[in-house]
Structures are given as C-alpha cells and as structure tokens.
Amino acid sequence: MKTLLWCRVAAQAGRTILMVLLVVIAGQLAGCAKSQPCACEVPRACCRGLVPQCAACEEGLTLDAWLKKTCPDGETDAHYEGWDEETQKAIWVCDEGTRQSFQISD
C-alpha cells in the first residue's frame, strides 16, 4: 500500500515538474519573437579623392546634380583648388570640358 501511495505522489510530482517546465519553455519562446527590422540607413562608401565624383558621393548627389550645385554657370567639370579656412569648405574651380579618363592596369 505504501508503495502504491509513493508511486502516486511521485507521478503527481512529475506532472507538476513537467507543467512548470512547459510554462518556462513557453515563456522563453514567447520572448523570442522577432523585433521590427532596423530602419537604419546603410552607410554609403564613398571615395575620399579630391575629384568631383568623390565630392558628389559624399554629399549624396549624382555627379550632374553636384556640378549644377557647385558650378551654377553650367560648366561641365571642376577641379579642387584648395581649402578655405574661413568657411571650412573645399574650393572648387569650375571649367568647361571633360576630364580625360585613363585606365590603370598591371
């Protein structure tokens, strides 16, 4: 009789432990819900050269838009002239013509 009573108590304790484990696991799974995706802006990788293409990239503009902003008289090219300490901005000299491009190879 004692053995039967002990078995019932052990089975009931086992069920209680199982229920507690299920509640804990369910709580853990509920905490794993995926959060909203980041609305972060991916940093733009721009060249750091002192050429119009790099300056346009750093300002988030196309080359044409940058030239229109920097050279309001309609020039089609610009070159870096130096740094203005007073305004803390680059000095760009606008000119006509297209810069000669060349290919570097091994």
PDB file of N, CA and C in Angstrom:
ATOM      1  N   MET A   1       0.818  -1.185   0.000  1.00  0.00           N
ATOM      2  CA  MET A   1       0.000   0.000   0.000  1.00  0.00           C
ATOM      3  C   MET A   1       0.870   1.261   0.000  1.00  0.00           C
ATOM      4  N   LYS A   2       1.932   1.236   0.825  1.00  0.00           N
ATOM      5  CA  LYS A   2       2.818   2.389   0.878  1.00  0.00           C
ATOM      6  C   LYS A   2       3.488   2.625  -0.475  1.00  0.00           C
ATOM      7  N   THR A   3       3.812   1.531  -1.151  1.00  0.00           N
ATOM      8  CA  THR A   3       4.463   1.646  -2.445  1.00  0.00           C
ATOM      9  C   THR A   3       3.524   2.292  -3.449  1.00  0.00           C
ATOM     10  N   LEU A   4       2.270   1.901  -3.443  1.00  0.00           N
ATOM     11  CA  LEU A   4       1.289   2.474  -4.351  1.00  0.00           C
ATOM     12  C   LEU A   4       1.094   3.953  -4.073  1.00  0.00           C
ATOM     13  N   LEU A   5       1.024   4.333  -2.818  1.00  0.00           N
ATOM     14  CA  LEU A   5       0.871   5.739  -2.434  1.00  0.00           C
ATOM     15  C   LEU A   5       2.097   6.539  -2.842  1.00  0.00           C
ATOM     16  N   TRP A   6       3.260   5.958  -2.654  1.00  0.00           N
ATOM     17  CA  TRP A   6       4.507   6.653  -3.046  1.00  0.00           C
ATOM     18  C   TRP A   6       4.567   6.860  -4.558  1.00  0.00           C
ATOM     19  N   CYS A   7       4.104   5.855  -5.322  1.00  0.00           N
ATOM     20  CA  CYS A   7       4.094   5.963  -6.784  1.00  0.00           C
ATOM     21  C   CYS A   7       3.159   7.059  -7.241  1.00  0.00           C
ATOM     22  N   ARG A   8       1.989   7.181  -6.592  1.00  0.00           N
ATOM     23  CA  ARG A   8       1.053   8.242  -6.944  1.00  0.00           C
ATOM     24  C   ARG A   8       1.650   9.616  -6.648  1.00  0.00           C
ATOM     25  N   VAL A   9       2.293   9.775  -5.534  1.00  0.00           N
ATOM     26  CA  VAL A   9       2.910  11.055  -5.160  1.00  0.00           C
ATOM     27  C   VAL A   9       4.020  11.391  -6.142  1.00  0.00           C
ATOM     28  N   ALA A  10       4.828  10.395  -6.510  1.00  0.00           N
ATOM     29  CA  ALA A  10       5.924  10.620  -7.451  1.00  0.00           C
ATOM     30  C   ALA A  10       5.375  11.000  -8.829  1.00  0.00           C
ATOM     31  N   ALA A  11       4.306  10.342  -9.269  1.00  0.00           N
ATOM     32  CA  ALA A  11       3.708  10.660 -10.566  1.00  0.00           C
ATOM     33  C   ALA A  11       3.128  12.069 -10.552  1.00  0.00           C
ATOM     34  N   GLN A  12       2.478  12.457  -9.478  1.00  0.00           N
ATOM     35  CA  GLN A  12       1.902  13.795  -9.379  1.00  0.00           C
ATOM     36  C   GLN A  12       3.016  14.848  -9.349  1.00  0.00           C
ATOM     37  N   ALA A  13       4.093  14.573  -8.661  1.00  0.00           N
ATOM     38  CA  ALA A  13       5.228  15.494  -8.620  1.00  0.00           C
ATOM     39  C   ALA A  13       5.861  15.616 -10.002  1.00  0.00           C
ATOM     40  N   GLY A  14       5.940  14.493 -10.704  1.00  0.00           N
ATOM     41  CA  GLY A  14       6.484  14.513 -12.064  1.00  0.00           C
ATOM     42  C   GLY A  14       5.630  15.360 -12.985  1.00  0.00           C
ATOM     43  N   ARG A  15       4.301  15.244 -12.872  1.00  0.00           N
ATOM     44  CA  ARG A  15       3.405  16.055 -13.681  1.00  0.00           C
ATOM     45  C   ARG A  15       3.564  17.539 -13.343  1.00  0.00           C
ATOM     46  N   THR A  16       3.714  17.841 -12.093  1.00  0.00           N
ATOM     47  CA  THR A  16       3.888  19.235 -11.677  1.00  0.00           C
ATOM     48  C   THR A  16       5.187  19.806 -12.252  1.00  0.00           C
ATOM     49  N   ILE A  17       6.248  19.021 -12.178  1.00  0.00           N
ATOM     50  CA  ILE A  17       7.537  19.459 -12.734  1.00  0.00           C
ATOM     51  C   ILE A  17       7.421  19.644 -14.241  1.00  0.00           C
ATOM     52  N   LEU A  18       6.749  18.729 -14.910  1.00  0.00           N
ATOM     53  CA  LEU A  18       6.565  18.825 -16.351  1.00  0.00           C
ATOM     54  C   LEU A  18       5.775  20.081 -16.713  1.00  0.00           C
ATOM     55  N   MET A  19       4.722  20.380 -15.961  1.00  0.00           N
ATOM     56  CA  MET A  19       3.915  21.582 -16.228  1.00  0.00           C
ATOM     57  C   MET A  19       4.761  22.846 -16.022  1.00  0.00           C
ATOM     58  N   VAL A  20       5.569  22.873 -14.981  1.00  0.00           N
ATOM     59  CA  VAL A  20       6.430  24.037 -14.727  1.00  0.00           C
ATOM     60  C   VAL A  20       7.420  24.202 -15.875  1.00  0.00           C
ATOM     61  N   LEU A  21       8.010  23.104 -16.327  1.00  0.00           N
ATOM     62  CA  LEU A  21       8.943  23.165 -17.447  1.00  0.00           C
ATOM     63  C   LEU A  21       8.254  23.668 -18.712  1.00  0.00           C
ATOM     64  N   LEU A  22       7.058  23.212 -18.996  1.00  0.00           N
ATOM     65  CA  LEU A  22       6.319  23.666 -20.169  1.00  0.00           C
ATOM     66  C   LEU A  22       6.020  25.164 -20.098  1.00  0.00           C
ATOM     67  N   VAL A  23       5.647  25.643 -18.914  1.00  0.00           N
ATOM     68  CA  VAL A  23       5.376  27.080 -18.749  1.00  0.00           C
ATOM     69  C   VAL A  23       6.656  27.885 -18.963  1.00  0.00           C
ATOM     70  N   VAL A  24       7.767  27.424 -18.435  1.00  0.00           N
ATOM     71  CA  VAL A  24       9.047  28.123 -18.601  1.00  0.00           C
ATOM     72  C   VAL A  24       9.461  28.139 -20.070  1.00  0.00           C
ATOM     73  N   ILE A  25       9.335  27.011 -20.745  1.00  0.00           N
ATOM     74  CA  ILE A  25       9.702  26.926 -22.163  1.00  0.00           C
ATOM     75  C   ILE A  25       8.790  27.822 -22.996  1.00  0.00           C
ATOM     76  N   ALA A  26       7.505  27.811 -22.716  1.00  0.00           N
ATOM     77  CA  ALA A  26       6.569  28.668 -23.459  1.00  0.00           C
ATOM     78  C   ALA A  26       6.920  30.141 -23.248  1.00  0.00           C
ATOM     79  N   GLY A  27       7.299  30.505 -22.030  1.00  0.00           N
ATOM     80  CA  GLY A  27       7.715  31.890 -21.755  1.00  0.00           C
ATOM     81  C   GLY A  27       8.967  32.263 -22.525  1.00  0.00           C
ATOM     82  N   GLN A  28       9.905  31.347 -22.620  1.00  0.00           N
ATOM     83  CA  GLN A  28      11.135  31.607 -23.368  1.00  0.00           C
ATOM     84  C   GLN A  28      10.842  31.775 -24.849  1.00  0.00           C
ATOM     85  N   LEU A  29       9.981  30.929 -25.388  1.00  0.00           N
ATOM     86  CA  LEU A  29       9.649  31.019 -26.809  1.00  0.00           C
ATOM     87  C   LEU A  29       8.897  32.307 -27.125  1.00  0.00           C
ATOM     88  N   ALA A  30       8.051  32.735 -26.230  1.00  0.00           N
ATOM     89  CA  ALA A  30       7.311  33.981 -26.458  1.00  0.00           C
ATOM     90  C   ALA A  30       8.273  35.162 -26.474  1.00  0.00           C
ATOM     91  N   GLY A  31       9.360  35.090 -25.735  1.00  0.00           N
ATOM     92  CA  GLY A  31      10.351  36.165 -25.710  1.00  0.00           C
ATOM     93  C   GLY A  31      11.227  36.187 -26.943  1.00  0.00           C
ATOM     94  N   CYS A  32      11.127  35.176 -27.788  1.00  0.00           N
ATOM     95  CA  CYS A  32      11.968  35.106 -28.981  1.00  0.00           C
ATOM     96  C   CYS A  32      11.306  35.702 -30.212  1.00  0.00           C
ATOM     97  N   ALA A  33      10.221  36.399 -30.035  1.00  0.00           N
ATOM     98  CA  ALA A  33       9.560  36.993 -31.195  1.00  0.00           C
ATOM     99  C   ALA A  33      10.519  37.958 -31.868  1.00  0.00           C
ATOM    100  N   LYS A  34      10.526  37.944 -33.197  1.00  0.00           N
ATOM    101  CA  LYS A  34      11.447  38.801 -33.940  1.00  0.00           C
ATOM    102  C   LYS A  34      11.021  40.254 -33.816  1.00  0.00           C
ATOM    103  N   SER A  35      11.983  41.100 -33.590  1.00  0.00           N
ATOM    104  CA  SER A  35      11.697  42.526 -33.496  1.00  0.00           C
ATOM    105  C   SER A  35      11.539  43.106 -34.892  1.00  0.00           C
ATOM    106  N   GLN A  36      11.076  44.329 -34.944  1.00  0.00           N
ATOM    107  CA  GLN A  36      10.916  45.011 -36.223  1.00  0.00           C
ATOM    108  C   GLN A  36      12.286  45.186 -36.859  1.00  0.00           C
ATOM    109  N   PRO A  37      12.372  45.085 -38.185  1.00  0.00           N
ATOM    110  CA  PRO A  37      13.669  45.277 -38.840  1.00  0.00           C
ATOM    111  C   PRO A  37      14.159  46.708 -38.640  1.00  0.00           C
ATOM    112  N   CYS A  38      15.451  46.836 -38.603  1.00  0.00           N
ATOM    113  CA  CYS A  38      16.066  48.142 -38.382  1.00  0.00           C
ATOM    114  C   CYS A  38      15.772  49.060 -39.561  1.00  0.00           C
ATOM    115  N   ALA A  39      15.357  50.273 -39.256  1.00  0.00           N
ATOM    116  CA  ALA A  39      15.136  51.275 -40.297  1.00  0.00           C
ATOM    117  C   ALA A  39      16.400  52.111 -40.456  1.00  0.00           C
ATOM    118  N   CYS A  40      17.527  51.501 -40.129  1.00  0.00           N
ATOM    119  CA  CYS A  40      18.803  52.209 -40.175  1.00  0.00           C
ATOM    120  C   CYS A  40      19.222  52.454 -41.616  1.00  0.00           C
ATOM    121  N   GLU A  41      19.906  53.536 -41.815  1.00  0.00           N
ATOM    122  CA  GLU A  41      20.440  53.828 -43.142  1.00  0.00           C
ATOM    123  C   GLU A  41      21.809  53.178 -43.258  1.00  0.00           C
ATOM    124  N   VAL A  42      22.004  52.455 -44.329  1.00  0.00           N
ATOM    125  CA  VAL A  42      23.290  51.806 -44.556  1.00  0.00           C
ATOM    126  C   VAL A  42      24.287  52.877 -44.971  1.00  0.00           C
ATOM    127  N   PRO A  43      25.430  52.945 -44.287  1.00  0.00           N
ATOM    128  CA  PRO A  43      26.398  53.985 -44.640  1.00  0.00           C
ATOM    129  C   PRO A  43      26.879  53.834 -46.083  1.00  0.00           C
ATOM    130  N   ARG A  44      26.994  54.953 -46.755  1.00  0.00           N
ATOM    131  CA  ARG A  44      27.453  54.953 -48.139  1.00  0.00           C
ATOM    132  C   ARG A  44      28.979  54.927 -48.122  1.00  0.00           C
ATOM    133  N   ALA A  45      29.556  54.091 -48.960  1.00  0.00           N
ATOM    134  CA  ALA A  45      31.011  54.028 -49.083  1.00  0.00           C
ATOM    135  C   ALA A  45      31.421  54.932 -50.238  1.00  0.00           C
ATOM    136  N   CYS A  46      32.067  56.039 -49.909  1.00  0.00           N
ATOM    137  CA  CYS A  46      32.498  56.997 -50.929  1.00  0.00           C
ATOM    138  C   CYS A  46      34.013  57.049 -50.968  1.00  0.00           C
ATOM    139  N   CYS A  47      34.520  57.353 -52.138  1.00  0.00           N
ATOM    140  CA  CYS A  47      35.959  57.557 -52.258  1.00  0.00           C
ATOM    141  C   CYS A  47      36.324  58.856 -51.542  1.00  0.00           C
ATOM    142  N   ARG A  48      37.554  59.034 -51.208  1.00  0.00           N
ATOM    143  CA  ARG A  48      37.988  60.224 -50.470  1.00  0.00           C
ATOM    144  C   ARG A  48      38.866  61.130 -51.337  1.00  0.00           C
ATOM    145  N   GLY A  49      38.883  60.907 -52.630  1.00  0.00           N
ATOM    146  CA  GLY A  49      39.716  61.707 -53.528  1.00  0.00           C
ATOM    147  C   GLY A  49      39.168  63.116 -53.707  1.00  0.00           C
ATOM    148  N   LEU A  50      40.013  64.001 -54.121  1.00  0.00           N
ATOM    149  CA  LEU A  50      39.630  65.394 -54.345  1.00  0.00           C
ATOM    150  C   LEU A  50      39.223  65.585 -55.801  1.00  0.00           C
ATOM    151  N   VAL A  51      38.213  64.820 -56.183  1.00  0.00           N
ATOM    152  CA  VAL A  51      37.662  64.880 -57.532  1.00  0.00           C
ATOM    153  C   VAL A  51      36.146  65.026 -57.412  1.00  0.00           C
ATOM    154  N   PRO A  52      35.505  65.563 -58.438  1.00  0.00           N
ATOM    155  CA  PRO A  52      34.058  65.779 -58.362  1.00  0.00           C
ATOM    156  C   PRO A  52      33.244  64.525 -58.038  1.00  0.00           C
ATOM    157  N   GLN A  53      33.622  63.382 -58.572  1.00  0.00           N
ATOM    158  CA  GLN A  53      32.867  62.150 -58.321  1.00  0.00           C
ATOM    159  C   GLN A  53      32.828  61.823 -56.822  1.00  0.00           C
ATOM    160  N   CYS A  54      33.947  61.972 -56.152  1.00  0.00           N
ATOM    161  CA  CYS A  54      34.001  61.670 -54.716  1.00  0.00           C
ATOM    162  C   CYS A  54      33.229  62.712 -53.912  1.00  0.00           C
ATOM    163  N   ALA A  55      33.359  63.977 -54.282  1.00  0.00           N
ATOM    164  CA  ALA A  55      32.640  65.048 -53.582  1.00  0.00           C
ATOM    165  C   ALA A  55      31.135  64.861 -53.736  1.00  0.00           C
ATOM    166  N   ALA A  56      30.687  64.474 -54.939  1.00  0.00           N
ATOM    167  CA  ALA A  56      29.261  64.238 -55.173  1.00  0.00           C
ATOM    168  C   ALA A  56      28.762  63.085 -54.306  1.00  0.00           C
ATOM    169  N   CYS A  57      29.523  62.027 -54.230  1.00  0.00           N
ATOM    170  CA  CYS A  57      29.147  60.873 -53.418  1.00  0.00           C
ATOM    171  C   CYS A  57      29.024  61.260 -51.946  1.00  0.00           C
ATOM    172  N   GLU A  58      29.983  62.011 -51.434  1.00  0.00           N
ATOM    173  CA  GLU A  58      29.963  62.418 -50.032  1.00  0.00           C
ATOM    174  C   GLU A  58      28.743  63.271 -49.697  1.00  0.00           C
ATOM    175  N   GLU A  59      28.252  64.030 -50.678  1.00  0.00           N
ATOM    176  CA  GLU A  59      27.065  64.850 -50.454  1.00  0.00           C
ATOM    177  C   GLU A  59      25.777  64.111 -50.791  1.00  0.00           C
ATOM    178  N   GLY A  60      25.905  62.873 -51.264  1.00  0.00           N
ATOM    179  CA  GLY A  60      24.730  62.081 -51.585  1.00  0.00           C
ATOM    180  C   GLY A  60      24.051  62.521 -52.871  1.00  0.00           C
ATOM    181  N   LEU A  61      24.816  63.102 -53.790  1.00  0.00           N
ATOM    182  CA  LEU A  61      24.275  63.604 -55.049  1.00  0.00           C
ATOM    183  C   LEU A  61      24.863  62.842 -56.228  1.00  0.00           C
ATOM    184  N   THR A  62      24.170  62.921 -57.353  1.00  0.00           N
ATOM    185  CA  THR A  62      24.765  62.404 -58.581  1.00  0.00           C
ATOM    186  C   THR A  62      25.805  63.424 -59.025  1.00  0.00           C
ATOM    187  N   LEU A  63      26.684  63.020 -59.929  1.00  0.00           N
ATOM    188  CA  LEU A  63      27.707  63.932 -60.419  1.00  0.00           C
ATOM    189  C   LEU A  63      27.074  65.136 -61.107  1.00  0.00           C
ATOM    190  N   ASP A  64      26.038  64.906 -61.917  1.00  0.00           N
ATOM    191  CA  ASP A  64      25.368  66.014 -62.608  1.00  0.00           C
ATOM    192  C   ASP A  64      24.741  66.992 -61.618  1.00  0.00           C
ATOM    193  N   ALA A  65      24.070  66.470 -60.594  1.00  0.00           N
ATOM    194  CA  ALA A  65      23.442  67.341 -59.590  1.00  0.00           C
ATOM    195  C   ALA A  65      24.508  68.122 -58.817  1.00  0.00           C
ATOM    196  N   TRP A  66      25.618  67.466 -58.504  1.00  0.00           N
ATOM    197  CA  TRP A  66      26.696  68.152 -57.780  1.00  0.00           C
ATOM    198  C   TRP A  66      27.292  69.264 -58.632  1.00  0.00           C
ATOM    199  N   LEU A  67      27.508  68.989 -59.921  1.00  0.00           N
ATOM    200  CA  LEU A  67      28.053  70.018 -60.809  1.00  0.00           C
ATOM    201  C   LEU A  67      27.103  71.202 -60.941  1.00  0.00           C
ATOM    202  N   LYS A  68      25.784  70.939 -61.027  1.00  0.00           N
ATOM    203  CA  LYS A  68      24.815  72.037 -61.100  1.00  0.00           C
ATOM    204  C   LYS A  68      24.850  72.877 -59.825  1.00  0.00           C
ATOM    205  N   LYS A  69      25.003  72.225 -58.694  1.00  0.00           N
ATOM    206  CA  LYS A  69      25.053  72.938 -57.409  1.00  0.00           C
ATOM    207  C   LYS A  69      26.363  73.714 -57.268  1.00  0.00           C
ATOM    208  N   THR A  70      27.471  73.091 -57.625  1.00  0.00           N
ATOM    209  CA  THR A  70      28.788  73.685 -57.430  1.00  0.00           C
ATOM    210  C   THR A  70      29.144  74.683 -58.521  1.00  0.00           C
ATOM    211  N   CYS A  71      28.720  74.414 -59.725  1.00  0.00           N
ATOM    212  CA  CYS A  71      29.038  75.259 -60.882  1.00  0.00           C
ATOM    213  C   CYS A  71      27.741  75.795 -61.484  1.00  0.00           C
ATOM    214  N   PRO A  72      27.168  76.839 -60.897  1.00  0.00           N
ATOM    215  CA  PRO A  72      25.852  77.310 -61.332  1.00  0.00           C
ATOM    216  C   PRO A  72      25.826  77.928 -62.726  1.00  0.00           C
ATOM    217  N   ASP A  73      26.992  78.197 -63.326  1.00  0.00           N
ATOM    218  CA  ASP A  73      27.011  78.793 -64.664  1.00  0.00           C
ATOM    219  C   ASP A  73      27.010  77.753 -65.774  1.00  0.00           C
ATOM    220  N   GLY A  74      26.787  76.480 -65.438  1.00  0.00           N
ATOM    221  CA  GLY A  74      26.657  75.434 -66.442  1.00  0.00           C
ATOM    222  C   GLY A  74      27.946  74.755 -66.856  1.00  0.00           C
ATOM    223  N   GLU A  75      29.054  74.996 -66.160  1.00  0.00           N
ATOM    224  CA  GLU A  75      30.306  74.310 -66.502  1.00  0.00           C
ATOM    225  C   GLU A  75      30.120  72.807 -66.316  1.00  0.00           C
ATOM    226  N   THR A  76      30.895  72.062 -67.060  1.00  0.00           N
ATOM    227  CA  THR A  76      30.724  70.602 -67.059  1.00  0.00           C
ATOM    228  C   THR A  76      31.817  69.854 -66.304  1.00  0.00           C
ATOM    229  N   ASP A  77      32.719  70.579 -65.661  1.00  0.00           N
ATOM    230  CA  ASP A  77      33.778  69.925 -64.898  1.00  0.00           C
ATOM    231  C   ASP A  77      34.247  70.876 -63.811  1.00  0.00           C
ATOM    232  N   ALA A  78      34.947  70.353 -62.855  1.00  0.00           N
ATOM    233  CA  ALA A  78      35.509  71.157 -61.769  1.00  0.00           C
ATOM    234  C   ALA A  78      36.762  70.467 -61.270  1.00  0.00           C
ATOM    235  N   HIS A  79      37.653  71.259 -60.677  1.00  0.00           N
ATOM    236  CA  HIS A  79      38.823  70.655 -60.046  1.00  0.00           C
ATOM    237  C   HIS A  79      39.058  71.334 -58.703  1.00  0.00           C
ATOM    238  N   TYR A  80      39.653  70.575 -57.814  1.00  0.00           N
ATOM    239  CA  TYR A  80      39.906  71.041 -56.452  1.00  0.00           C
ATOM    240  C   TYR A  80      41.028  72.064 -56.459  1.00  0.00           C
ATOM    241  N   GLU A  81      40.779  73.204 -55.835  1.00  0.00           N
ATOM    242  CA  GLU A  81      41.758  74.285 -55.811  1.00  0.00           C
ATOM    243  C   GLU A  81      42.399  74.443 -54.434  1.00  0.00           C
ATOM    244  N   GLY A  82      41.737  73.965 -53.400  1.00  0.00           N
ATOM    245  CA  GLY A  82      42.293  74.106 -52.052  1.00  0.00           C
ATOM    246  C   GLY A  82      41.198  74.142 -51.005  1.00  0.00           C
ATOM    247  N   TRP A  83      41.581  74.631 -49.829  1.00  0.00           N
ATOM    248  CA  TRP A  83      40.671  74.658 -48.683  1.00  0.00           C
ATOM    249  C   TRP A  83      40.525  76.082 -48.189  1.00  0.00           C
ATOM    250  N   ASP A  84      39.297  76.516 -47.969  1.00  0.00           N
ATOM    251  CA  ASP A  84      39.020  77.851 -47.449  1.00  0.00           C
ATOM    252  C   ASP A  84      38.901  77.750 -45.931  1.00  0.00           C
ATOM    253  N   GLU A  85      39.889  78.275 -45.225  1.00  0.00           N
ATOM    254  CA  GLU A  85      39.910  78.199 -43.754  1.00  0.00           C
ATOM    255  C   GLU A  85      38.748  78.968 -43.125  1.00  0.00           C
ATOM    256  N   GLU A  86      38.354  80.044 -43.757  1.00  0.00           N
ATOM    257  CA  GLU A  86      37.296  80.881 -43.204  1.00  0.00           C
ATOM    258  C   GLU A  86      35.950  80.153 -43.197  1.00  0.00           C
ATOM    259  N   THR A  87      35.597  79.566 -44.337  1.00  0.00           N
ATOM    260  CA  THR A  87      34.298  78.889 -44.449  1.00  0.00           C
ATOM    261  C   THR A  87      34.383  77.399 -44.120  1.00  0.00           C
ATOM    262  N   GLN A  88      35.607  76.895 -43.991  1.00  0.00           N
ATOM    263  CA  GLN A  88      35.826  75.465 -43.721  1.00  0.00           C
ATOM    264  C   GLN A  88      35.197  74.603 -44.810  1.00  0.00           C
ATOM    265  N   LYS A  89      35.390  75.040 -46.075  1.00  0.00           N
ATOM    266  CA  LYS A  89      34.868  74.298 -47.215  1.00  0.00           C
ATOM    267  C   LYS A  89      35.932  74.190 -48.293  1.00  0.00           C
ATOM    268  N   ALA A  90      35.762  73.173 -49.133  1.00  0.00           N
ATOM    269  CA  ALA A  90      36.669  72.991 -50.266  1.00  0.00           C
ATOM    270  C   ALA A  90      36.406  74.075 -51.306  1.00  0.00           C
ATOM    271  N   ILE A  91      37.475  74.486 -51.992  1.00  0.00           N
ATOM    272  CA  ILE A  91      37.350  75.445 -53.087  1.00  0.00           C
ATOM    273  C   ILE A  91      37.398  74.648 -54.387  1.00  0.00           C
ATOM    274  N   TRP A  92      36.346  74.759 -55.178  1.00  0.00           N
ATOM    275  CA  TRP A  92      36.257  74.066 -56.456  1.00  0.00           C
ATOM    276  C   TRP A  92      36.263  75.102 -57.569  1.00  0.00           C
ATOM    277  N   VAL A  93      37.086  74.907 -58.563  1.00  0.00           N
ATOM    278  CA  VAL A  93      37.152  75.787 -59.725  1.00  0.00           C
ATOM    279  C   VAL A  93      36.435  75.070 -60.865  1.00  0.00           C
ATOM    280  N   CYS A  94      35.414  75.725 -61.383  1.00  0.00           N
ATOM    281  CA  CYS A  94      34.610  75.135 -62.456  1.00  0.00           C
ATOM    282  C   CYS A  94      35.208  75.500 -63.806  1.00  0.00           C
ATOM    283  N   ASP A  95      35.123  74.560 -64.753  1.00  0.00           N
ATOM    284  CA  ASP A  95      35.597  74.839 -66.101  1.00  0.00           C
ATOM    285  C   ASP A  95      34.830  73.990 -67.098  1.00  0.00           C
ATOM    286  N   GLU A  96      34.962  74.347 -68.347  1.00  0.00           N
ATOM    287  CA  GLU A  96      34.315  73.606 -69.428  1.00  0.00           C
ATOM    288  C   GLU A  96      35.177  72.411 -69.814  1.00  0.00           C
ATOM    289  N   GLY A  97      34.571  71.490 -70.501  1.00  0.00           N
ATOM    290  CA  GLY A  97      35.331  70.339 -70.975  1.00  0.00           C
ATOM    291  C   GLY A  97      35.152  69.153 -70.057  1.00  0.00           C
ATOM    292  N   THR A  98      35.634  68.058 -70.537  1.00  0.00           N
ATOM    293  CA  THR A  98      35.537  66.819 -69.785  1.00  0.00           C
ATOM    294  C   THR A  98      36.935  66.369 -69.398  1.00  0.00           C
ATOM    295  N   ARG A  99      37.048  65.966 -68.192  1.00  0.00           N
ATOM    296  CA  ARG A  99      38.330  65.480 -67.697  1.00  0.00           C
ATOM    297  C   ARG A  99      38.732  64.224 -68.458  1.00  0.00           C
ATOM    298  N   GLN A 100      39.984  64.141 -68.814  1.00  0.00           N
ATOM    299  CA  GLN A 100      40.465  62.954 -69.526  1.00  0.00           C
ATOM    300  C   GLN A 100      40.542  61.794 -68.560  1.00  0.00           C
ATOM    301  N   SER A 101      39.944  60.677 -68.961  1.00  0.00           N
ATOM    302  CA  SER A 101      39.988  59.492 -68.115  1.00  0.00           C
ATOM    303  C   SER A 101      41.007  58.523 -68.686  1.00  0.00           C
ATOM    304  N   PHE A 102      41.597  57.745 -67.823  1.00  0.00           N
ATOM    305  CA  PHE A 102      42.579  56.768 -68.263  1.00  0.00           C
ATOM    306  C   PHE A 102      42.436  55.528 -67.428  1.00  0.00           C
ATOM    307  N   GLN A 103      42.881  54.433 -67.972  1.00  0.00           N
ATOM    308  CA  GLN A 103      42.761  53.125 -67.315  1.00  0.00           C
ATOM    309  C   GLN A 103      44.130  52.733 -66.763  1.00  0.00           C
ATOM    310  N   ILE A 104      44.162  52.376 -65.502  1.00  0.00           N
ATOM    311  CA  ILE A 104      45.392  51.888 -64.882  1.00  0.00           C
ATOM    312  C   ILE A 104      45.352  50.376 -64.919  1.00  0.00           C
ATOM    313  N   SER A 105      46.396  49.768 -65.440  1.00  0.00           N
ATOM    314  CA  SER A 105      46.446  48.314 -65.481  1.00  0.00           C
ATOM    315  C   SER A 105      47.814  47.848 -64.990  1.00  0.00           C
ATOM    316  N   ASP A 106      47.928  46.556 -64.773  1.00  0.00           N
ATOM    317  CA  ASP A 106      49.185  45.995 -64.265  1.00  0.00           C
ATOM    318  C   ASP A 106      50.305  46.077 -65.268  1.00  0.00           C
TER     319      ASP A 106
END
